[in-house]
């Protein structure tokens, strides 16, 4: 619920937990399945942050598939693409309403997330 405000310390702990979790994931891609399951389970006005390395072509995932999933009515989905690849930039352009951003430096990730949460 967006009306529940978390203090910055709690937000930092959540982000640190997300980073720690990602260090132990297996290679391969479940991007579409993960986005779909999260969006389907979302309540109206939920905020969903999808963070991806943007190497989607490797897994035969097209931008339009991702775009369709993150545009569900009533859910605030945002896609953050890690890396300065042409693929990341092209994918970000496919997602309307500034719901996709390219993160060129992982040190900028907290800043990007904070700007999304504040908007």
Protein backbone atom coordinates (compact mmCIF):
# COMPACT_ATOMS: atom_id res chain seq x y z
CA UNK A 1 0.00 0.00 0.00
CA UNK A 2 1.53 3.31 -1.08
CA UNK A 3 0.00 5.09 1.90
CA UNK A 4 2.36 3.18 4.19
CA UNK A 5 5.56 5.20 4.41
CA UNK A 6 8.80 3.41 5.24
CA UNK A 7 11.62 5.30 6.86
CA UNK A 8 14.91 5.50 4.96
CA UNK A 9 16.62 2.97 7.23
CA UNK A 10 13.91 0.37 6.52
CA UNK A 11 14.09 1.13 2.80
CA UNK A 12 17.87 0.63 2.86
CA UNK A 13 17.48 -2.73 4.64
CA UNK A 14 14.99 -3.86 1.98
CA UNK A 15 17.36 -2.85 -0.83
CA UNK A 16 20.31 -4.58 0.85
CA UNK A 17 18.23 -7.73 1.16
CA UNK A 18 17.34 -7.54 -2.54
CA UNK A 19 21.01 -7.19 -3.50
CA UNK A 20 22.04 -10.08 -1.25
CA UNK A 21 19.31 -12.28 -2.72
CA UNK A 22 20.37 -11.54 -6.29
CA UNK A 23 23.93 -12.70 -5.58
CA UNK A 24 22.70 -16.27 -5.09
CA UNK A 25 20.30 -16.67 -8.01
CA UNK A 26 20.93 -19.24 -10.69
CA UNK A 27 21.84 -18.30 -14.27
CA UNK A 28 19.05 -18.41 -16.80
CA UNK A 29 16.06 -16.27 -17.30
CA UNK A 30 12.60 -16.22 -15.81
CA UNK A 31 11.99 -12.53 -16.49
CA UNK A 32 8.62 -12.86 -18.20
CA UNK A 33 7.31 -15.42 -15.72
CA UNK A 34 8.44 -13.35 -12.74
CA UNK A 35 6.94 -10.11 -14.07
CA UNK A 36 3.70 -11.85 -14.98
CA UNK A 37 3.33 -13.53 -11.57
CA UNK A 38 4.11 -10.30 -9.73
CA UNK A 39 1.75 -8.16 -11.79
CA UNK A 40 -1.06 -10.73 -11.50
CA UNK A 41 -0.65 -10.81 -7.72
CA UNK A 42 -0.49 -7.03 -7.39
CA UNK A 43 -3.25 -5.02 -5.80
CA UNK A 44 -4.42 -1.72 -7.30
CA UNK A 45 -1.79 1.01 -6.87
CA UNK A 46 0.98 -1.42 -5.88
CA UNK A 47 4.49 -0.46 -6.95
CA UNK A 48 6.49 -3.11 -8.79
CA UNK A 49 10.19 -2.67 -9.54
CA UNK A 50 11.66 -5.00 -12.15
CA UNK A 51 15.46 -4.99 -12.22
CA UNK A 52 17.07 -6.77 -15.15
CA UNK A 53 20.46 -7.04 -16.81
CA UNK A 54 18.64 -6.42 -20.12
CA UNK A 55 20.23 -9.40 -21.86
CA UNK A 56 16.82 -10.45 -23.08
CA UNK A 57 17.72 -11.35 -26.68
CA UNK A 58 19.89 -14.14 -25.31
CA UNK A 59 16.69 -15.73 -23.99
CA UNK A 60 14.62 -14.86 -27.09
CA UNK A 61 12.52 -12.33 -25.19
CA UNK A 62 11.21 -9.42 -27.22
CA UNK A 63 10.75 -5.90 -25.89
CA UNK A 64 7.05 -5.90 -26.74
CA UNK A 65 6.50 -8.89 -24.43
CA UNK A 66 8.07 -7.08 -21.49
CA UNK A 67 6.32 -3.83 -22.38
CA UNK A 68 2.92 -5.50 -22.37
CA UNK A 69 3.47 -7.01 -18.92
CA UNK A 70 4.61 -3.82 -17.19
CA UNK A 71 1.67 -1.78 -18.48
CA UNK A 72 -1.15 -3.35 -16.47
CA UNK A 73 -3.82 -0.81 -15.61
CA UNK A 74 -3.83 0.28 -11.97
CA UNK A 75 -0.39 -1.11 -11.11
CA UNK A 76 2.71 1.07 -11.05
CA UNK A 77 5.39 -1.08 -12.71
CA UNK A 78 8.85 0.25 -13.46
CA UNK A 79 11.66 -1.49 -15.30
CA UNK A 80 15.29 -0.77 -14.38
CA UNK A 81 17.79 -2.09 -16.89
CA UNK A 82 21.35 -2.56 -15.66
CA UNK A 83 24.04 -1.88 -18.27
CA UNK A 84 24.92 0.47 -21.07
CA UNK A 85 24.05 -1.89 -23.90
CA UNK A 86 22.16 -0.85 -27.00
CA UNK A 87 19.62 -3.51 -26.09
CA UNK A 88 18.91 -1.83 -22.73
CA UNK A 89 18.47 1.57 -24.35
CA UNK A 90 16.21 0.18 -27.07
CA UNK A 91 14.07 -1.68 -24.54
CA UNK A 92 13.72 1.42 -22.36
CA UNK A 93 12.40 3.32 -25.40
CA UNK A 94 9.74 0.63 -25.94
CA UNK A 95 8.21 1.14 -22.49
CA UNK A 96 5.87 4.16 -22.43
CA UNK A 97 5.32 6.75 -19.70
CA UNK A 98 8.93 6.75 -18.50
CA UNK A 99 8.39 3.38 -16.80
CA UNK A 100 11.81 2.11 -17.88
CA UNK A 101 15.21 3.49 -17.07
CA UNK A 102 18.73 2.41 -17.91
CA UNK A 103 21.17 2.26 -15.01
CA UNK A 104 24.67 2.76 -16.38
CA UNK A 105 26.41 2.37 -13.04
CA UNK A 106 25.14 0.06 -10.30
CA UNK A 107 26.07 2.74 -7.76
CA UNK A 108 23.20 4.80 -9.25
CA UNK A 109 20.63 2.08 -8.57
CA UNK A 110 19.56 3.41 -5.12
CA UNK A 111 19.13 6.89 -6.60
CA UNK A 112 16.97 5.57 -9.44
CA UNK A 113 14.85 3.53 -7.06
CA UNK A 114 14.42 6.49 -4.73
CA UNK A 115 13.27 8.72 -7.61
CA UNK A 116 10.70 6.09 -8.67
CA UNK A 117 9.38 5.61 -5.14
CA UNK A 118 9.04 9.37 -4.63
CA UNK A 119 7.12 9.89 -7.88
